[in-house]
């Protein structure tokens, strides 16, 4: 199973069972990300809440850099919270539009660096 989650694993070398397990893990990740978004994200976060949210957001951005995860997103996001879906699609769109790693996000209300 671990090989199925490695970033450098070629999809062609995975068995059908490994691909199915990887997709199940992706579903679990999306469920966790959605829960974090619903519970933590707010336009007017306190500094402590911002720190909590930023760790989740960083994780979402990291996973969205993976081609296999991004390829599965349309299926994974079906039926999820609309605001959460919009957030993930913004991340995905930014990564798709640029090959550079996204810069650190400013705290809500601050201007970008």
Protein backbone atom coordinates (compact mmCIF):
# COMPACT_ATOMS: atom_id res chain seq x y z
CA UNK A 1 0.00 0.00 0.00
CA UNK A 2 2.79 2.44 0.79
CA UNK A 3 4.06 2.29 -2.79
CA UNK A 4 0.64 3.45 -4.01
CA UNK A 5 0.99 6.66 -1.97
CA UNK A 6 4.54 7.53 -3.00
CA UNK A 7 4.68 10.63 -5.12
CA UNK A 8 7.07 9.07 -7.64
CA UNK A 9 5.13 5.82 -8.19
CA UNK A 10 4.11 5.36 -11.81
CA UNK A 11 0.40 4.58 -12.01
CA UNK A 12 1.11 1.90 -14.62
CA UNK A 13 3.00 -0.25 -12.11
CA UNK A 14 0.16 -0.28 -9.57
CA UNK A 15 -2.28 -3.16 -9.41
CA UNK A 16 -6.01 -2.50 -9.58
CA UNK A 17 -6.19 -3.21 -5.84
CA UNK A 18 -3.45 -0.65 -5.11
CA UNK A 19 -5.21 1.97 -7.25
CA UNK A 20 -8.47 1.29 -5.43
CA UNK A 21 -6.77 1.62 -2.03
CA UNK A 22 -5.05 4.83 -3.08
CA UNK A 23 -8.40 6.26 -4.16
CA UNK A 24 -9.90 5.27 -0.79
CA UNK A 25 -7.04 7.08 0.97
CA UNK A 26 -7.66 10.13 -1.19
CA UNK A 27 -11.34 10.04 -0.17
CA UNK A 28 -10.33 9.96 3.51
CA UNK A 29 -7.97 12.91 2.96
CA UNK A 30 -10.67 14.95 1.25
CA UNK A 31 -13.08 14.18 4.10
CA UNK A 32 -10.48 15.38 6.62
CA UNK A 33 -9.70 18.48 4.56
CA UNK A 34 -13.40 19.33 4.27
CA UNK A 35 -13.92 18.90 8.01
CA UNK A 36 -10.95 21.17 8.74
CA UNK A 37 -12.28 23.76 6.29
CA UNK A 38 -15.76 23.74 7.83
CA UNK A 39 -14.52 23.86 11.41
CA UNK A 40 -11.59 26.26 11.08
CA UNK A 41 -11.83 28.52 8.05
CA UNK A 42 -13.29 31.97 8.60
CA UNK A 43 -12.51 35.26 6.89
CA UNK A 44 -12.01 36.93 10.31
CA UNK A 45 -9.82 34.35 12.07
CA UNK A 46 -7.92 35.05 15.25
CA UNK A 47 -4.13 34.61 15.03
CA UNK A 48 -4.39 31.25 16.82
CA UNK A 49 -7.16 30.03 14.51
CA UNK A 50 -5.11 31.25 11.54
CA UNK A 51 -2.16 29.10 12.67
CA UNK A 52 -4.44 26.07 12.98
CA UNK A 53 -5.99 26.70 9.57
CA UNK A 54 -2.64 27.39 7.88
CA UNK A 55 -1.33 23.92 8.74
CA UNK A 56 -4.37 22.31 7.10
CA UNK A 57 -4.18 24.64 4.12
CA UNK A 58 -0.49 23.80 3.66
CA UNK A 59 -1.36 20.10 3.67
CA UNK A 60 -4.11 20.63 1.07
CA UNK A 61 -1.70 22.55 -1.13
CA UNK A 62 0.92 19.83 -0.80
CA UNK A 63 -1.51 17.10 -1.83
CA UNK A 64 -2.85 19.21 -4.70
CA UNK A 65 0.68 19.34 -6.12
CA UNK A 66 0.43 15.60 -6.79
CA UNK A 67 -0.77 14.78 -10.29
CA UNK A 68 -2.55 11.61 -9.14
CA UNK A 69 -4.49 13.47 -6.43
CA UNK A 70 -5.41 16.36 -8.76
CA UNK A 71 -6.51 13.89 -11.43
CA UNK A 72 -8.89 12.27 -8.91
CA UNK A 73 -10.30 15.59 -7.61
CA UNK A 74 -13.42 15.79 -9.82
CA UNK A 75 -14.66 12.49 -8.42
CA UNK A 76 -13.44 13.20 -4.89
CA UNK A 77 -15.17 16.60 -4.68
CA UNK A 78 -18.54 15.42 -5.91
CA UNK A 79 -21.20 16.20 -3.29
CA UNK A 80 -18.83 18.04 -0.94
CA UNK A 81 -19.45 21.43 0.70
CA UNK A 82 -19.60 24.10 -2.02
CA UNK A 83 -17.29 26.56 -0.24
CA UNK A 84 -14.74 23.81 0.41
CA UNK A 85 -14.90 22.70 -3.23
CA UNK A 86 -14.30 26.28 -4.34
CA UNK A 87 -11.27 26.52 -2.04
CA UNK A 88 -9.71 23.30 -3.38
CA UNK A 89 -10.42 24.36 -6.96
CA UNK A 90 -8.68 27.70 -6.31
CA UNK A 91 -5.63 25.80 -5.06
CA UNK A 92 -5.76 23.41 -8.01
CA UNK A 93 -6.23 26.27 -10.47
CA UNK A 94 -3.27 28.16 -9.07
CA UNK A 95 -1.09 25.06 -9.32
CA UNK A 96 -2.29 24.26 -12.82
CA UNK A 97 -1.68 27.82 -14.00
CA UNK A 98 1.83 27.91 -12.59
CA UNK A 99 4.56 25.34 -12.12
CA UNK A 100 6.01 27.18 -9.13
CA UNK A 101 5.17 26.27 -5.56
CA UNK A 102 2.64 28.66 -4.09
CA UNK A 103 4.04 31.34 -1.83
CA UNK A 104 2.97 31.63 1.79
CA UNK A 105 -0.51 33.04 2.19
CA UNK A 106 -1.02 36.29 4.06
CA UNK A 107 -3.31 36.36 7.08
CA UNK A 108 -6.83 37.46 6.09
CA UNK A 109 -6.87 41.24 5.96
CA UNK A 110 -3.14 41.52 5.19
CA UNK A 111 -1.80 42.35 1.76
CA UNK A 112 0.29 39.72 -0.05
CA UNK A 113 4.09 39.98 0.26
